Amino acid sequence: MLPDPSLELTQYRVTFFFGPEPVAEHPNRLSCVFNVKKRSWKGGVQVAVEIGLEQLERARQTLGWSKWLDHVLTGIPEDERQGYVARAEDLFAQALCACKLDLALQAGLVQENQQLRADSWSRELDRVVVAHQTVIKSHILTELDLAEGSSLPTAN
């Protein structure tokens, strides 16, 4: 998910690989891994993007996450609701990691496998969450297969 594609970001092809996964040596962090390929590179690299649980909580508070999620899941049957909540939480962490990766891409990324630590881009990510909250929420609704303003799964 690229919330604000700029000319610089279009030079990159970013593919979500996996996550969020707990970071073994840091239980208060999650990590998502992305494959990143720049047009001028012969091959891509993997970038592991960490997010601290405290940063996730700050973003939840900023977006009114719990209230919003309850609202969008109103019409979901109770026996299916927990699956939606778990998936939404994963998607939220993935979206924040993708936003942090976008910040790193805008600054320039070297062609090597790397890790963006939880404390990197922290203040900038807090600002991005505020500025792009509509895009983040829309992305999550799309991935959950829920229409905007409706809590019923869309027909395929």
Protein backbone atom coordinates (compact mmCIF):
# COMPACT_ATOMS: atom_id res chain seq x y z
CA MET A 1 0.00 0.00 0.00
CA LEU A 2 1.48 3.33 -1.03
CA PRO A 3 -0.66 6.06 0.53
CA ASP A 4 0.87 9.00 -1.32
CA PRO A 5 2.75 7.92 -4.43
CA SER A 6 5.18 10.55 -5.57
CA LEU A 7 7.38 10.63 -8.62
CA GLU A 8 10.26 9.24 -6.53
CA LEU A 9 8.17 6.29 -5.27
CA THR A 10 7.11 5.26 -8.78
CA GLN A 11 10.72 4.22 -9.37
CA TYR A 12 10.11 1.36 -6.91
CA ARG A 13 8.00 -1.75 -7.14
CA VAL A 14 7.06 -2.82 -3.63
CA THR A 15 5.45 -6.17 -2.90
CA PHE A 16 4.27 -7.24 0.53
CA PHE A 17 5.98 -10.54 1.43
CA PHE A 18 4.81 -11.51 4.94
CA GLY A 19 3.93 -10.31 8.42
CA PRO A 20 3.25 -9.01 10.87
CA GLU A 21 5.41 -11.39 12.85
CA PRO A 22 6.78 -10.89 16.37
CA VAL A 23 10.45 -9.90 16.46
CA ALA A 24 12.15 -12.71 18.39
CA GLU A 25 14.65 -10.65 20.34
CA HIS A 26 12.17 -7.79 20.96
CA PRO A 27 8.73 -8.98 22.14
CA ASN A 28 7.34 -5.43 22.00
CA ARG A 29 7.83 -5.21 18.21
CA LEU A 30 6.27 -6.63 15.07
CA SER A 31 7.89 -6.92 11.66
CA CYS A 32 6.60 -7.04 8.10
CA VAL A 33 8.83 -7.95 5.16
CA PHE A 34 8.56 -6.37 1.74
CA ASN A 35 10.29 -7.09 -1.56
CA VAL A 36 11.55 -3.83 -3.09
CA LYS A 37 12.83 -3.40 -6.64
CA LYS A 38 13.98 -0.12 -8.10
CA ARG A 39 13.85 0.25 -11.88
CA SER A 40 17.59 0.84 -12.11
CA TRP A 41 18.47 -2.23 -10.01
CA LYS A 42 19.18 -5.62 -11.58
CA GLY A 43 17.47 -7.37 -8.66
CA GLY A 44 15.27 -6.62 -5.70
CA VAL A 45 15.95 -6.60 -1.99
CA GLN A 46 14.02 -7.58 1.09
CA VAL A 47 13.27 -4.94 3.68
CA ALA A 48 12.07 -5.97 7.13
CA VAL A 49 10.11 -3.11 8.66
CA GLU A 50 9.64 -3.14 12.43
CA ILE A 51 6.89 -1.34 14.31
CA GLY A 52 6.76 -0.99 18.08
CA LEU A 53 3.60 -2.00 19.90
CA GLU A 54 3.54 1.44 21.55
CA GLN A 55 3.55 3.06 18.10
CA LEU A 56 0.71 0.80 17.00
CA GLU A 57 -1.24 1.85 20.08
CA ARG A 58 -0.59 5.55 19.40
CA ALA A 59 -1.85 5.08 15.85
CA ARG A 60 -4.94 3.24 17.13
CA GLN A 61 -5.69 6.16 19.45
CA THR A 62 -5.08 8.72 16.69
CA LEU A 63 -7.47 6.97 14.30
CA GLY A 64 -10.11 6.04 16.87
CA TRP A 65 -9.40 2.49 15.75
CA SER A 66 -11.57 0.49 18.16
CA LYS A 67 -14.66 2.63 17.66
CA TRP A 68 -14.17 2.70 13.88
CA LEU A 69 -13.62 -1.06 13.67
CA ASP A 70 -16.69 -1.77 15.81
CA HIS A 71 -18.70 0.48 13.50
CA VAL A 72 -17.56 -1.15 10.25
CA LEU A 73 -18.13 -4.65 11.66
CA THR A 74 -21.64 -3.90 12.98
CA GLY A 75 -23.46 -6.15 10.48
CA ILE A 76 -20.97 -9.02 10.62
CA PRO A 77 -22.40 -12.12 12.34
CA GLU A 78 -20.96 -12.67 15.81
CA ASP A 79 -19.43 -16.05 14.88
CA GLU A 80 -17.42 -14.40 12.05
CA ARG A 81 -16.53 -11.18 13.83
CA GLN A 82 -13.36 -12.37 15.62
CA GLY A 83 -11.84 -13.45 12.31
CA TYR A 84 -12.47 -9.98 10.87
CA VAL A 85 -10.99 -8.30 13.94
CA ALA A 86 -7.82 -10.43 13.78
CA ARG A 87 -7.43 -9.79 10.04
CA ALA A 88 -8.04 -6.04 10.51
CA GLU A 89 -5.34 -5.89 13.20
CA ASP A 90 -2.85 -7.60 10.88
CA LEU A 91 -3.80 -5.26 8.03
CA PHE A 92 -3.39 -2.24 10.29
CA ALA A 93 0.15 -3.29 11.28
CA GLN A 94 0.97 -4.02 7.62
CA ALA A 95 -0.34 -0.60 6.57
CA LEU A 96 1.79 1.19 9.16
CA CYS A 97 4.86 -0.79 8.13
CA ALA A 98 4.15 0.07 4.47
CA CYS A 99 3.89 3.76 5.40
CA LYS A 100 7.23 3.56 7.22
CA LEU A 101 8.78 1.86 4.18
CA ASP A 102 7.43 4.66 1.96
CA LEU A 103 9.21 7.18 4.18
CA ALA A 104 12.47 5.27 3.77
CA LEU A 105 11.97 5.02 0.00
CA GLN A 106 11.43 8.77 -0.25
CA ALA A 107 14.76 9.27 1.54
CA GLY A 108 16.48 6.79 -0.80
CA LEU A 109 17.19 3.13 -0.24
CA VAL A 110 20.42 1.28 -0.95
CA GLN A 111 20.27 -1.97 -2.88
CA GLU A 112 20.79 -4.40 -0.01
CA ASN A 113 18.59 -6.49 2.23
CA GLN A 114 17.95 -4.45 5.33
CA GLN A 115 15.90 -3.83 8.41
CA LEU A 116 14.12 -0.63 9.41
CA ARG A 117 14.14 -0.70 13.21
CA ALA A 118 11.06 0.21 15.23
CA ASP A 119 12.56 3.52 16.36
CA SER A 120 13.38 4.69 12.82
CA TRP A 121 10.96 7.13 11.15
CA SER A 122 8.84 7.14 14.31
CA ARG A 123 7.86 10.83 14.44
CA GLU A 124 7.40 10.97 10.70
CA LEU A 125 5.14 7.91 10.79
CA ASP A 126 2.98 9.54 13.48
CA ARG A 127 2.41 12.46 11.08
CA VAL A 128 1.71 10.16 8.12
CA VAL A 129 -0.93 8.28 10.12
CA VAL A 130 -2.80 11.54 10.72
CA ALA A 131 -2.41 12.77 7.14
CA HIS A 132 -3.38 9.47 5.49
CA GLN A 133 -5.93 8.02 7.88
CA THR A 134 -8.63 7.90 5.20
CA VAL A 135 -6.35 5.98 2.82
CA ILE A 136 -5.29 3.56 5.57
CA LYS A 137 -8.89 2.85 6.58
CA SER A 138 -10.04 2.51 2.95
CA HIS A 139 -7.23 0.03 2.28
CA ILE A 140 -8.29 -2.06 5.27
CA LEU A 141 -11.95 -2.02 4.19
CA THR A 142 -10.94 -3.14 0.71
CA GLU A 143 -8.78 -5.97 2.04
CA LEU A 144 -11.58 -7.08 4.38
CA ASP A 145 -13.92 -7.02 1.36
CA LEU A 146 -16.20 -4.52 3.07
CA ALA A 147 -17.76 -1.65 1.15
CA GLU A 148 -17.25 1.89 2.47
CA GLY A 149 -20.17 2.76 4.76
CA SER A 150 -21.36 -0.85 4.87
CA SER A 151 -20.34 -3.64 7.18
CA LEU A 152 -21.55 -6.41 4.93
CA PRO A 153 -19.05 -8.28 2.74
CA THR A 154 -19.26 -7.25 -0.90
CA ALA A 155 -20.37 -9.75 -3.51
CA ASN A 156 -17.66 -11.00 -5.87
